[in-house]
Amino acid sequence: MKSKLSFLVLFSVIIAMVSCSKDEEPAPTPVVKVTYNKNAKPIFVASCTPCHLTGGANPNKWDDYASAKNKIDLILDRVNRDATAAGFMPKNGTKLPAASIAILTQWKADGLLEN
């Protein structure tokens, strides 16, 4: 009888310890949104020079937030075209890397945030 009671107490203690353990979940990764100033503008400055920047020949200036925001659909259309297609951008240049196009696409999806 004493051994059964000892077993029962030990079993209860083990169950209590196991049930009190906490499964730790990893902390959620914060979602960082793409913004014009941090992500999109550097692409425009590096890839759309000299035509689409202040002082350039094209009246559409992508170093201006409002202009780039208002024309994002046109920009995405042009940079996604085949390099041999009419209207491909950058004109007489090479296709933007897929990562750069993905950033511009995500900027639009994130709501065209400025900062």
PDB file of N, CA and C in Angstrom:
ATOM      1  N   MET A   1       0.813  -1.192   0.000  1.00  0.00           N
ATOM      2  CA  MET A   1       0.000   0.000   0.000  1.00  0.00           C
ATOM      3  C   MET A   1       0.858   1.258   0.000  1.00  0.00           C
ATOM      4  N   LYS A   2       1.935   1.229   0.833  1.00  0.00           N
ATOM      5  CA  LYS A   2       2.819   2.381   0.922  1.00  0.00           C
ATOM      6  C   LYS A   2       3.512   2.631  -0.420  1.00  0.00           C
ATOM      7  N   SER A   3       3.894   1.589  -1.126  1.00  0.00           N
ATOM      8  CA  SER A   3       4.551   1.752  -2.420  1.00  0.00           C
ATOM      9  C   SER A   3       3.586   2.304  -3.471  1.00  0.00           C
ATOM     10  N   LYS A   4       2.320   1.905  -3.361  1.00  0.00           N
ATOM     11  CA  LYS A   4       1.312   2.443  -4.290  1.00  0.00           C
ATOM     12  C   LYS A   4       1.092   3.927  -4.033  1.00  0.00           C
ATOM     13  N   LEU A   5       1.082   4.314  -2.785  1.00  0.00           N
ATOM     14  CA  LEU A   5       0.900   5.720  -2.433  1.00  0.00           C
ATOM     15  C   LEU A   5       2.101   6.543  -2.889  1.00  0.00           C
ATOM     16  N   SER A   6       3.303   6.011  -2.688  1.00  0.00           N
ATOM     17  CA  SER A   6       4.524   6.704  -3.140  1.00  0.00           C
ATOM     18  C   SER A   6       4.515   6.858  -4.652  1.00  0.00           C
ATOM     19  N   PHE A   7       4.124   5.794  -5.345  1.00  0.00           N
ATOM     20  CA  PHE A   7       4.052   5.843  -6.798  1.00  0.00           C
ATOM     21  C   PHE A   7       3.038   6.887  -7.245  1.00  0.00           C
ATOM     22  N   LEU A   8       1.888   6.921  -6.599  1.00  0.00           N
ATOM     23  CA  LEU A   8       0.836   7.867  -6.936  1.00  0.00           C
ATOM     24  C   LEU A   8       1.292   9.307  -6.705  1.00  0.00           C
ATOM     25  N   VAL A   9       1.988   9.576  -5.615  1.00  0.00           N
ATOM     26  CA  VAL A   9       2.509  10.920  -5.324  1.00  0.00           C
ATOM     27  C   VAL A   9       3.559  11.296  -6.363  1.00  0.00           C
ATOM     28  N   LEU A  10       4.484  10.404  -6.640  1.00  0.00           N
ATOM     29  CA  LEU A  10       5.525  10.671  -7.640  1.00  0.00           C
ATOM     30  C   LEU A  10       4.914  10.905  -9.014  1.00  0.00           C
ATOM     31  N   PHE A  11       3.945  10.083  -9.382  1.00  0.00           N
ATOM     32  CA  PHE A  11       3.271  10.241 -10.663  1.00  0.00           C
ATOM     33  C   PHE A  11       2.562  11.594 -10.742  1.00  0.00           C
ATOM     34  N   SER A  12       1.902  11.996  -9.667  1.00  0.00           N
ATOM     35  CA  SER A  12       1.210  13.289  -9.626  1.00  0.00           C
ATOM     36  C   SER A  12       2.174  14.449  -9.771  1.00  0.00           C
ATOM     37  N   VAL A  13       3.320  14.348  -9.121  1.00  0.00           N
ATOM     38  CA  VAL A  13       4.345  15.412  -9.212  1.00  0.00           C
ATOM     39  C   VAL A  13       4.853  15.519 -10.653  1.00  0.00           C
ATOM     40  N   ILE A  14       5.106  14.406 -11.274  1.00  0.00           N
ATOM     41  CA  ILE A  14       5.601  14.420 -12.663  1.00  0.00           C
ATOM     42  C   ILE A  14       4.545  15.011 -13.595  1.00  0.00           C
ATOM     43  N   ILE A  15       3.319  14.628 -13.436  1.00  0.00           N
ATOM     44  CA  ILE A  15       2.234  15.178 -14.270  1.00  0.00           C
ATOM     45  C   ILE A  15       2.127  16.679 -14.055  1.00  0.00           C
ATOM     46  N   ALA A  16       2.213  17.111 -12.817  1.00  0.00           N
ATOM     47  CA  ALA A  16       2.123  18.542 -12.522  1.00  0.00           C
ATOM     48  C   ALA A  16       3.269  19.306 -13.175  1.00  0.00           C
ATOM     49  N   MET A  17       4.463  18.751 -13.138  1.00  0.00           N
ATOM     50  CA  MET A  17       5.626  19.424 -13.736  1.00  0.00           C
ATOM     51  C   MET A  17       5.487  19.493 -15.257  1.00  0.00           C
ATOM     52  N   VAL A  18       5.049  18.424 -15.855  1.00  0.00           N
ATOM     53  CA  VAL A  18       4.898  18.399 -17.304  1.00  0.00           C
ATOM     54  C   VAL A  18       3.814  19.361 -17.747  1.00  0.00           C
ATOM     55  N   SER A  19       2.717  19.388 -17.024  1.00  0.00           N
ATOM     56  CA  SER A  19       1.621  20.268 -17.425  1.00  0.00           C
ATOM     57  C   SER A  19       1.940  21.737 -17.183  1.00  0.00           C
ATOM     58  N   CYS A  20       2.897  22.012 -16.318  1.00  0.00           N
ATOM     59  CA  CYS A  20       3.274  23.405 -16.047  1.00  0.00           C
ATOM     60  C   CYS A  20       4.325  23.918 -17.016  1.00  0.00           C
ATOM     61  N   SER A  21       4.935  23.019 -17.761  1.00  0.00           N
ATOM     62  CA  SER A  21       5.942  23.501 -18.704  1.00  0.00           C
ATOM     63  C   SER A  21       5.261  24.292 -19.803  1.00  0.00           C
ATOM     64  N   LYS A  22       5.942  25.307 -20.241  1.00  0.00           N
ATOM     65  CA  LYS A  22       5.361  26.202 -21.241  1.00  0.00           C
ATOM     66  C   LYS A  22       6.072  25.990 -22.564  1.00  0.00           C
ATOM     67  N   ASP A  23       5.292  25.708 -23.590  1.00  0.00           N
ATOM     68  CA  ASP A  23       5.878  25.628 -24.921  1.00  0.00           C
ATOM     69  C   ASP A  23       6.158  27.041 -25.381  1.00  0.00           C
ATOM     70  N   GLU A  24       7.405  27.331 -25.592  1.00  0.00           N
ATOM     71  CA  GLU A  24       7.752  28.680 -26.005  1.00  0.00           C
ATOM     72  C   GLU A  24       7.674  28.785 -27.509  1.00  0.00           C
ATOM     73  N   GLU A  25       6.925  29.765 -27.946  1.00  0.00           N
ATOM     74  CA  GLU A  25       6.811  30.034 -29.367  1.00  0.00           C
ATOM     75  C   GLU A  25       7.784  31.138 -29.711  1.00  0.00           C
ATOM     76  N   PRO A  26       8.365  31.075 -30.904  1.00  0.00           N
ATOM     77  CA  PRO A  26       9.282  32.158 -31.285  1.00  0.00           C
ATOM     78  C   PRO A  26       8.530  33.481 -31.375  1.00  0.00           C
ATOM     79  N   ALA A  27       9.234  34.535 -31.020  1.00  0.00           N
ATOM     80  CA  ALA A  27       8.626  35.866 -31.115  1.00  0.00           C
ATOM     81  C   ALA A  27       8.295  36.152 -32.574  1.00  0.00           C
ATOM     82  N   PRO A  28       7.154  36.764 -32.821  1.00  0.00           N
ATOM     83  CA  PRO A  28       6.798  37.059 -34.213  1.00  0.00           C
ATOM     84  C   PRO A  28       7.794  38.042 -34.828  1.00  0.00           C
ATOM     85  N   THR A  29       8.118  37.794 -36.065  1.00  0.00           N
ATOM     86  CA  THR A  29       9.014  38.679 -36.786  1.00  0.00           C
ATOM     87  C   THR A  29       8.232  39.905 -37.221  1.00  0.00           C
ATOM     88  N   PRO A  30       8.736  41.091 -36.872  1.00  0.00           N
ATOM     89  CA  PRO A  30       7.996  42.284 -37.283  1.00  0.00           C
ATOM     90  C   PRO A  30       7.983  42.416 -38.806  1.00  0.00           C
ATOM     91  N   VAL A  31       6.859  42.848 -39.318  1.00  0.00           N
ATOM     92  CA  VAL A  31       6.726  43.035 -40.757  1.00  0.00           C
ATOM     93  C   VAL A  31       7.249  44.420 -41.096  1.00  0.00           C
ATOM     94  N   VAL A  32       8.258  44.460 -41.928  1.00  0.00           N
ATOM     95  CA  VAL A  32       8.841  45.730 -42.337  1.00  0.00           C
ATOM     96  C   VAL A  32       8.289  46.059 -43.713  1.00  0.00           C
ATOM     97  N   LYS A  33       7.646  47.183 -43.812  1.00  0.00           N
ATOM     98  CA  LYS A  33       7.047  47.591 -45.078  1.00  0.00           C
ATOM     99  C   LYS A  33       8.084  48.316 -45.938  1.00  0.00           C
ATOM    100  N   VAL A  34       7.929  48.160 -47.238  1.00  0.00           N
ATOM    101  CA  VAL A  34       8.793  48.839 -48.199  1.00  0.00           C
ATOM    102  C   VAL A  34       8.345  50.294 -48.299  1.00  0.00           C
ATOM    103  N   THR A  35       9.306  51.206 -48.254  1.00  0.00           N
ATOM    104  CA  THR A  35       8.991  52.627 -48.380  1.00  0.00           C
ATOM    105  C   THR A  35       9.755  53.234 -49.543  1.00  0.00           C
ATOM    106  N   TYR A  36       9.262  54.383 -49.974  1.00  0.00           N
ATOM    107  CA  TYR A  36       9.903  55.094 -51.078  1.00  0.00           C
ATOM    108  C   TYR A  36      11.331  55.488 -50.706  1.00  0.00           C
ATOM    109  N   ASN A  37      11.487  56.205 -49.591  1.00  0.00           N
ATOM    110  CA  ASN A  37      12.799  56.747 -49.246  1.00  0.00           C
ATOM    111  C   ASN A  37      13.847  55.678 -48.949  1.00  0.00           C
ATOM    112  N   LYS A  38      13.457  54.612 -48.281  1.00  0.00           N
ATOM    113  CA  LYS A  38      14.419  53.581 -47.898  1.00  0.00           C
ATOM    114  C   LYS A  38      14.682  52.568 -48.999  1.00  0.00           C
ATOM    115  N   ASN A  39      13.672  52.267 -49.809  1.00  0.00           N
ATOM    116  CA  ASN A  39      13.802  51.143 -50.728  1.00  0.00           C
ATOM    117  C   ASN A  39      13.643  51.486 -52.202  1.00  0.00           C
ATOM    118  N   ALA A  40      12.609  52.253 -52.559  1.00  0.00           N
ATOM    119  CA  ALA A  40      12.330  52.507 -53.974  1.00  0.00           C
ATOM    120  C   ALA A  40      13.237  53.583 -54.559  1.00  0.00           C
ATOM    121  N   LYS A  41      13.396  54.687 -53.869  1.00  0.00           N
ATOM    122  CA  LYS A  41      14.188  55.797 -54.411  1.00  0.00           C
ATOM    123  C   LYS A  41      15.619  55.374 -54.759  1.00  0.00           C
ATOM    124  N   PRO A  42      16.306  54.593 -53.915  1.00  0.00           N
ATOM    125  CA  PRO A  42      17.649  54.154 -54.310  1.00  0.00           C
ATOM    126  C   PRO A  42      17.673  53.378 -55.633  1.00  0.00           C
ATOM    127  N   ILE A  43      16.620  52.616 -55.903  1.00  0.00           N
ATOM    128  CA  ILE A  43      16.551  51.896 -57.179  1.00  0.00           C
ATOM    129  C   ILE A  43      16.407  52.891 -58.321  1.00  0.00           C
ATOM    130  N   PHE A  44      15.527  53.876 -58.142  1.00  0.00           N
ATOM    131  CA  PHE A  44      15.335  54.881 -59.187  1.00  0.00           C
ATOM    132  C   PHE A  44      16.628  55.657 -59.431  1.00  0.00           C
ATOM    133  N   VAL A  45      17.297  56.052 -58.376  1.00  0.00           N
ATOM    134  CA  VAL A  45      18.534  56.828 -58.522  1.00  0.00           C
ATOM    135  C   VAL A  45      19.603  56.002 -59.237  1.00  0.00           C
ATOM    136  N   ALA A  46      19.713  54.733 -58.888  1.00  0.00           N
ATOM    137  CA  ALA A  46      20.733  53.883 -59.492  1.00  0.00           C
ATOM    138  C   ALA A  46      20.389  53.451 -60.916  1.00  0.00           C
ATOM    139  N   SER A  47      19.108  53.301 -61.222  1.00  0.00           N
ATOM    140  CA  SER A  47      18.721  52.684 -62.494  1.00  0.00           C
ATOM    141  C   SER A  47      18.070  53.618 -63.496  1.00  0.00           C
ATOM    142  N   CYS A  48      17.600  54.773 -63.059  1.00  0.00           N
ATOM    143  CA  CYS A  48      16.838  55.644 -63.955  1.00  0.00           C
ATOM    144  C   CYS A  48      17.588  56.943 -64.273  1.00  0.00           C
ATOM    145  N   THR A  49      18.849  56.960 -63.918  1.00  0.00           N
ATOM    146  CA  THR A  49      19.710  58.105 -64.190  1.00  0.00           C
ATOM    147  C   THR A  49      20.155  58.033 -65.642  1.00  0.00           C
ATOM    148  N   PRO A  50      20.243  59.132 -66.326  1.00  0.00           N
ATOM    149  CA  PRO A  50      19.968  60.501 -65.907  1.00  0.00           C
ATOM    150  C   PRO A  50      18.577  60.989 -66.301  1.00  0.00           C
ATOM    151  N   CYS A  51      17.847  60.193 -67.025  1.00  0.00           N
ATOM    152  CA  CYS A  51      16.601  60.684 -67.638  1.00  0.00           C
ATOM    153  C   CYS A  51      15.492  61.037 -66.646  1.00  0.00           C
ATOM    154  N   HIS A  52      15.216  60.176 -65.667  1.00  0.00           N
ATOM    155  CA  HIS A  52      14.051  60.353 -64.806  1.00  0.00           C
ATOM    156  C   HIS A  52      14.372  60.995 -63.456  1.00  0.00           C
ATOM    157  N   LEU A  53      15.498  61.679 -63.366  1.00  0.00           N
ATOM    158  CA  LEU A  53      15.867  62.351 -62.134  1.00  0.00           C
ATOM    159  C   LEU A  53      15.900  63.852 -62.367  1.00  0.00           C
ATOM    160  N   THR A  54      15.839  64.617 -61.311  1.00  0.00           N
ATOM    161  CA  THR A  54      15.874  66.070 -61.425  1.00  0.00           C
ATOM    162  C   THR A  54      17.037  66.487 -62.313  1.00  0.00           C
ATOM    163  N   GLY A  55      16.725  67.306 -63.297  1.00  0.00           N
ATOM    164  CA  GLY A  55      17.741  67.743 -64.257  1.00  0.00           C
ATOM    165  C   GLY A  55      17.833  66.864 -65.486  1.00  0.00           C
ATOM    166  N   GLY A  56      17.130  65.736 -65.481  1.00  0.00           N
ATOM    167  CA  GLY A  56      17.164  64.818 -66.616  1.00  0.00           C
ATOM    168  C   GLY A  56      16.215  65.244 -67.713  1.00  0.00           C
ATOM    169  N   ALA A  57      16.347  64.612 -68.870  1.00  0.00           N
ATOM    170  CA  ALA A  57      15.576  64.983 -70.046  1.00  0.00           C
ATOM    171  C   ALA A  57      14.097  64.613 -69.945  1.00  0.00           C
ATOM    172  N   ASN A  58      13.744  63.572 -69.225  1.00  0.00           N
ATOM    173  CA  ASN A  58      12.355  63.129 -69.145  1.00  0.00           C
ATOM    174  C   ASN A  58      11.604  63.936 -68.083  1.00  0.00           C
ATOM    175  N   PRO A  59      10.397  64.383 -68.391  1.00  0.00           N
ATOM    176  CA  PRO A  59       9.642  65.179 -67.418  1.00  0.00           C
ATOM    177  C   PRO A  59       9.163  64.368 -66.206  1.00  0.00           C
ATOM    178  N   ASN A  60       9.131  63.040 -66.310  1.00  0.00           N
ATOM    179  CA  ASN A  60       8.753  62.199 -65.170  1.00  0.00           C
ATOM    180  C   ASN A  60       9.975  62.012 -64.286  1.00  0.00           C
ATOM    181  N   LYS A  61       9.911  62.533 -63.071  1.00  0.00           N
ATOM    182  CA  LYS A  61      11.051  62.495 -62.152  1.00  0.00           C
ATOM    183  C   LYS A  61      10.786  61.491 -61.040  1.00  0.00           C
ATOM    184  N   TRP A  62      11.526  60.384 -61.035  1.00  0.00           N
ATOM    185  CA  TRP A  62      11.302  59.340 -60.048  1.00  0.00           C
ATOM    186  C   TRP A  62      12.034  59.617 -58.741  1.00  0.00           C
ATOM    187  N   ASP A  63      12.837  60.685 -58.680  1.00  0.00           N
ATOM    188  CA  ASP A  63      13.434  61.059 -57.399  1.00  0.00           C
ATOM    189  C   ASP A  63      12.500  61.992 -56.630  1.00  0.00           C
ATOM    190  N   ASP A  64      11.287  62.138 -57.123  1.00  0.00           N
ATOM    191  CA  ASP A  64      10.235  62.899 -56.464  1.00  0.00           C
ATOM    192  C   ASP A  64       9.159  61.891 -56.043  1.00  0.00           C
ATOM    193  N   TYR A  65       8.894  61.807 -54.742  1.00  0.00           N
ATOM    194  CA  TYR A  65       7.955  60.816 -54.216  1.00  0.00           C
ATOM    195  C   TYR A  65       6.597  60.860 -54.910  1.00  0.00           C
ATOM    196  N   ALA A  66       6.005  62.041 -55.006  1.00  0.00           N
ATOM    197  CA  ALA A  66       4.653  62.155 -55.567  1.00  0.00           C
ATOM    198  C   ALA A  66       4.614  61.665 -57.017  1.00  0.00           C
ATOM    199  N   SER A  67       5.632  62.011 -57.792  1.00  0.00           N
ATOM    200  CA  SER A  67       5.666  61.585 -59.205  1.00  0.00           C
ATOM    201  C   SER A  67       5.792  60.068 -59.318  1.00  0.00           C
ATOM    202  N   ALA A  68       6.706  59.502 -58.543  1.00  0.00           N
ATOM    203  CA  ALA A  68       6.907  58.053 -58.594  1.00  0.00           C
ATOM    204  C   ALA A  68       5.660  57.316 -58.118  1.00  0.00           C
ATOM    205  N   LYS A  69       5.049  57.815 -57.054  1.00  0.00           N
ATOM    206  CA  LYS A  69       3.840  57.193 -56.516  1.00  0.00           C
ATOM    207  C   LYS A  69       2.711  57.208 -57.549  1.00  0.00           C
ATOM    208  N   ASN A  70       2.534  58.332 -58.203  1.00  0.00           N
ATOM    209  CA  ASN A  70       1.440  58.467 -59.170  1.00  0.00           C
ATOM    210  C   ASN A  70       1.660  57.655 -60.440  1.00  0.00           C
ATOM    211  N   LYS A  71       2.883  57.291 -60.725  1.00  0.00           N
ATOM    212  CA  LYS A  71       3.190  56.578 -61.971  1.00  0.00           C
ATOM    213  C   LYS A  71       3.674  55.148 -61.743  1.00  0.00           C
ATOM    214  N   ILE A  72       3.470  54.613 -60.538  1.00  0.00           N
ATOM    215  CA  ILE A  72       4.019  53.289 -60.236  1.00  0.00           C
ATOM    216  C   ILE A  72       3.521  52.211 -61.193  1.00  0.00           C
ATOM    217  N   ASP A  73       2.272  52.283 -61.614  1.00  0.00           N
ATOM    218  CA  ASP A  73       1.764  51.264 -62.548  1.00  0.00           C
ATOM    219  C   ASP A  73       2.511  51.329 -63.880  1.00  0.00           C
ATOM    220  N   LEU A  74       2.763  52.533 -64.370  1.00  0.00           N
ATOM    221  CA  LEU A  74       3.523  52.704 -65.608  1.00  0.00           C
ATOM    222  C   LEU A  74       4.957  52.211 -65.424  1.00  0.00           C
ATOM    223  N   ILE A  75       5.561  52.572 -64.305  1.00  0.00           N
ATOM    224  CA  ILE A  75       6.940  52.151 -64.026  1.00  0.00           C
ATOM    225  C   ILE A  75       7.019  50.627 -64.023  1.00  0.00           C
ATOM    226  N   LEU A  76       6.125  49.988 -63.282  1.00  0.00           N
ATOM    227  CA  LEU A  76       6.149  48.523 -63.210  1.00  0.00           C
ATOM    228  C   LEU A  76       5.901  47.876 -64.565  1.00  0.00           C
ATOM    229  N   ASP A  77       4.995  48.451 -65.333  1.00  0.00           N
ATOM    230  CA  ASP A  77       4.744  47.930 -66.677  1.00  0.00           C
ATOM    231  C   ASP A  77       6.017  47.988 -67.521  1.00  0.00           C
ATOM    232  N   ARG A  78       6.682  49.121 -67.494  1.00  0.00           N
ATOM    233  CA  ARG A  78       7.862  49.317 -68.347  1.00  0.00           C
ATOM    234  C   ARG A  78       9.045  48.447 -67.925  1.00  0.00           C
ATOM    235  N   VAL A  79       9.295  48.336 -66.621  1.00  0.00           N
ATOM    236  CA  VAL A  79      10.459  47.551 -66.185  1.00  0.00           C
ATOM    237  C   VAL A  79      10.210  46.050 -66.279  1.00  0.00           C
ATOM    238  N   ASN A  80       8.942  45.647 -66.375  1.00  0.00           N
ATOM    239  CA  ASN A  80       8.629  44.222 -66.510  1.00  0.00           C
ATOM    240  C   ASN A  80       8.601  43.749 -67.958  1.00  0.00           C
ATOM    241  N   ARG A  81       8.659  44.673 -68.905  1.00  0.00           N
ATOM    242  CA  ARG A  81       8.646  44.286 -70.325  1.00  0.00           C
ATOM    243  C   ARG A  81       9.944  43.585 -70.691  1.00  0.00           C
ATOM    244  N   ASP A  82       9.862  42.820 -71.765  1.00  0.00           N
ATOM    245  CA  ASP A  82      11.057  42.202 -72.320  1.00  0.00           C
ATOM    246  C   ASP A  82      11.974  43.305 -72.837  1.00  0.00           C
ATOM    247  N   ALA A  83      13.262  43.126 -72.709  1.00  0.00           N
ATOM    248  CA  ALA A  83      14.236  44.155 -73.103  1.00  0.00           C
ATOM    249  C   ALA A  83      14.138  44.544 -74.568  1.00  0.00           C
ATOM    250  N   THR A  84      13.547  43.694 -75.398  1.00  0.00           N
ATOM    251  CA  THR A  84      13.414  44.020 -76.823  1.00  0.00           C
ATOM    252  C   THR A  84      12.070  44.662 -77.146  1.00  0.00           C
ATOM    253  N   ALA A  85      11.179  44.746 -76.183  1.00  0.00           N
ATOM    254  CA  ALA A  85       9.835  45.276 -76.419  1.00  0.00           C
ATOM    255  C   ALA A  85       9.838  46.804 -76.452  1.00  0.00           C
ATOM    256  N   ALA A  86       8.915  47.354 -77.232  1.00  0.00           N
ATOM    257  CA  ALA A  86       8.752  48.808 -77.275  1.00  0.00           C
ATOM    258  C   ALA A  86       8.378  49.315 -75.889  1.00  0.00           C
ATOM    259  N   GLY A  87       8.971  50.415 -75.508  1.00  0.00           N
ATOM    260  CA  GLY A  87       8.664  51.033 -74.226  1.00  0.00           C
ATOM    261  C   GLY A  87       9.401  50.441 -73.036  1.00  0.00           C
ATOM    262  N   PHE A  88      10.269  49.471 -73.288  1.00  0.00           N
ATOM    263  CA  PHE A  88      11.052  48.867 -72.210  1.00  0.00           C
ATOM    264  C   PHE A  88      11.894  49.927 -71.513  1.00  0.00           C
ATOM    265  N   MET A  89      11.958  49.825 -70.201  1.00  0.00           N
ATOM    266  CA  MET A  89      12.820  50.715 -69.425  1.00  0.00           C
ATOM    267  C   MET A  89      13.704  49.866 -68.528  1.00  0.00           C
ATOM    268  N   PRO A  90      14.919  50.327 -68.328  1.00  0.00           N
ATOM    269  CA  PRO A  90      15.498  51.596 -68.750  1.00  0.00           C
ATOM    270  C   PRO A  90      15.891  51.566 -70.227  1.00  0.00           C
ATOM    271  N   LYS A  91      15.551  52.651 -70.897  1.00  0.00           N
ATOM    272  CA  LYS A  91      15.795  52.769 -72.333  1.00  0.00           C
ATOM    273  C   LYS A  91      17.274  52.548 -72.623  1.00  0.00           C
ATOM    274  N   ASN A  92      17.525  51.685 -73.582  1.00  0.00           N
ATOM    275  CA  ASN A  92      18.884  51.335 -73.994  1.00  0.00           C
ATOM    276  C   ASN A  92      19.717  50.778 -72.844  1.00  0.00           C
ATOM    277  N   GLY A  93      19.057  50.271 -71.836  1.00  0.00           N
ATOM    278  CA  GLY A  93      19.765  49.707 -70.690  1.00  0.00           C
ATOM    279  C   GLY A  93      19.473  48.235 -70.546  1.00  0.00           C
ATOM    280  N   THR A  94      19.931  47.693 -69.446  1.00  0.00           N
ATOM    281  CA  THR A  94      19.661  46.287 -69.164  1.00  0.00           C
ATOM    282  C   THR A  94      18.499  46.185 -68.181  1.00  0.00           C
ATOM    283  N   LYS A  95      17.814  45.079 -68.251  1.00  0.00           N
ATOM    284  CA  LYS A  95      16.655  44.847 -67.390  1.00  0.00           C
ATOM    285  C   LYS A  95      17.074  44.942 -65.929  1.00  0.00           C
ATOM    286  N   LEU A  96      16.224  45.577 -65.134  1.00  0.00           N
ATOM    287  CA  LEU A  96      16.477  45.655 -63.702  1.00  0.00           C
ATOM    288  C   LEU A  96      16.514  44.245 -63.122  1.00  0.00           C
ATOM    289  N   PRO A  97      17.327  44.045 -62.100  1.00  0.00           N
ATOM    290  CA  PRO A  97      17.341  42.733 -61.448  1.00  0.00           C
ATOM    291  C   PRO A  97      15.952  42.400 -60.895  1.00  0.00           C
ATOM    292  N   ALA A  98      15.634  41.129 -60.875  1.00  0.00           N
ATOM    293  CA  ALA A  98      14.333  40.683 -60.361  1.00  0.00           C
ATOM    294  C   ALA A  98      14.110  41.179 -58.930  1.00  0.00           C
ATOM    295  N   ALA A  99      15.171  41.252 -58.138  1.00  0.00           N
ATOM    296  CA  ALA A  99      15.042  41.724 -56.755  1.00  0.00           C
ATOM    297  C   ALA A  99      14.600  43.185 -56.710  1.00  0.00           C
ATOM    298  N   SER A 100      15.103  44.002 -57.623  1.00  0.00           N
ATOM    299  CA  SER A 100      14.705  45.417 -57.664  1.00  0.00           C
ATOM    300  C   SER A 100      13.250  45.557 -58.092  1.00  0.00           C
ATOM    301  N   ILE A 101      12.854  44.786 -59.082  1.00  0.00           N
ATOM    302  CA  ILE A 101      11.455  44.821 -59.529  1.00  0.00           C
ATOM    303  C   ILE A 101      10.545  44.334 -58.400  1.00  0.00           C
ATOM    304  N   ALA A 102      10.984  43.329 -57.669  1.00  0.00           N
ATOM    305  CA  ALA A 102      10.193  42.818 -56.546  1.00  0.00           C
ATOM    306  C   ALA A 102      10.021  43.885 -55.461  1.00  0.00           C
ATOM    307  N   ILE A 103      11.049  44.674 -55.212  1.00  0.00           N
ATOM    308  CA  ILE A 103      10.955  45.747 -54.217  1.00  0.00           C
ATOM    309  C   ILE A 103       9.941  46.785 -54.670  1.00  0.00           C
ATOM    310  N   LEU A 104       9.990  47.177 -55.931  1.00  0.00           N
ATOM    311  CA  LEU A 104       9.027  48.161 -56.439  1.00  0.00           C
ATOM    312  C   LEU A 104       7.603  47.611 -56.387  1.00  0.00           C
ATOM    313  N   THR A 105       7.446  46.345 -56.708  1.00  0.00           N
ATOM    314  CA  THR A 105       6.131  45.701 -56.644  1.00  0.00           C
ATOM    315  C   THR A 105       5.634  45.661 -55.199  1.00  0.00           C
ATOM    316  N   GLN A 106       6.526  45.346 -54.278  1.00  0.00           N
ATOM    317  CA  GLN A 106       6.140  45.290 -52.868  1.00  0.00           C
ATOM    318  C   GLN A 106       5.829  46.681 -52.332  1.00  0.00           C
ATOM    319  N   TRP A 107       6.544  47.692 -52.809  1.00  0.00           N
ATOM    320  CA  TRP A 107       6.254  49.075 -52.404  1.00  0.00           C
ATOM    321  C   TRP A 107       4.794  49.407 -52.721  1.00  0.00           C
ATOM    322  N   LYS A 108       4.369  49.038 -53.916  1.00  0.00           N
ATOM    323  CA  LYS A 108       2.973  49.273 -54.292  1.00  0.00           C
ATOM    324  C   LYS A 108       2.039  48.445 -53.397  1.00  0.00           C
ATOM    325  N   ALA A 109       2.350  47.195 -53.193  1.00  0.00           N
ATOM    326  CA  ALA A 109       1.495  46.331 -52.377  1.00  0.00           C
ATOM    327  C   ALA A 109       1.392  46.822 -50.924  1.00  0.00           C
ATOM    328  N   ASP A 110       2.464  47.435 -50.437  1.00  0.00           N
ATOM    329  CA  ASP A 110       2.487  47.933 -49.057  1.00  0.00           C
ATOM    330  C   ASP A 110       1.799  49.288 -48.907  1.00  0.00           C
ATOM    331  N   GLY A 111       1.306  49.836 -50.016  1.00  0.00           N
ATOM    332  CA  GLY A 111       0.544  51.078 -49.907  1.00  0.00           C
ATOM    333  C   GLY A 111       1.291  52.315 -50.335  1.00  0.00           C
ATOM    334  N   LEU A 112       2.423  52.177 -51.024  1.00  0.00           N
ATOM    335  CA  LEU A 112       3.188  53.314 -51.538  1.00  0.00           C
ATOM    336  C   LEU A 112       3.563  54.293 -50.425  1.00  0.00           C
ATOM    337  N   LEU A 113       4.113  53.749 -49.354  1.00  0.00           N
ATOM    338  CA  LEU A 113       4.517  54.570 -48.213  1.00  0.00           C
ATOM    339  C   LEU A 113       5.740  55.410 -48.551  1.00  0.00           C
ATOM    340  N   GLU A 114       5.793  56.617 -48.005  1.00  0.00           N
ATOM    341  CA  GLU A 114       6.923  57.507 -48.277  1.00  0.00           C
ATOM    342  C   GLU A 114       8.101  57.191 -47.358  1.00  0.00           C
ATOM    343  N   ASN A 115       7.838  57.114 -46.080  1.00  0.00           N
ATOM    344  CA  ASN A 115       8.923  56.860 -45.100  1.00  0.00           C
ATOM    345  C   ASN A 115       8.693  55.577 -44.359  1.00  0.00           C
TER     346      ASN A 115
END
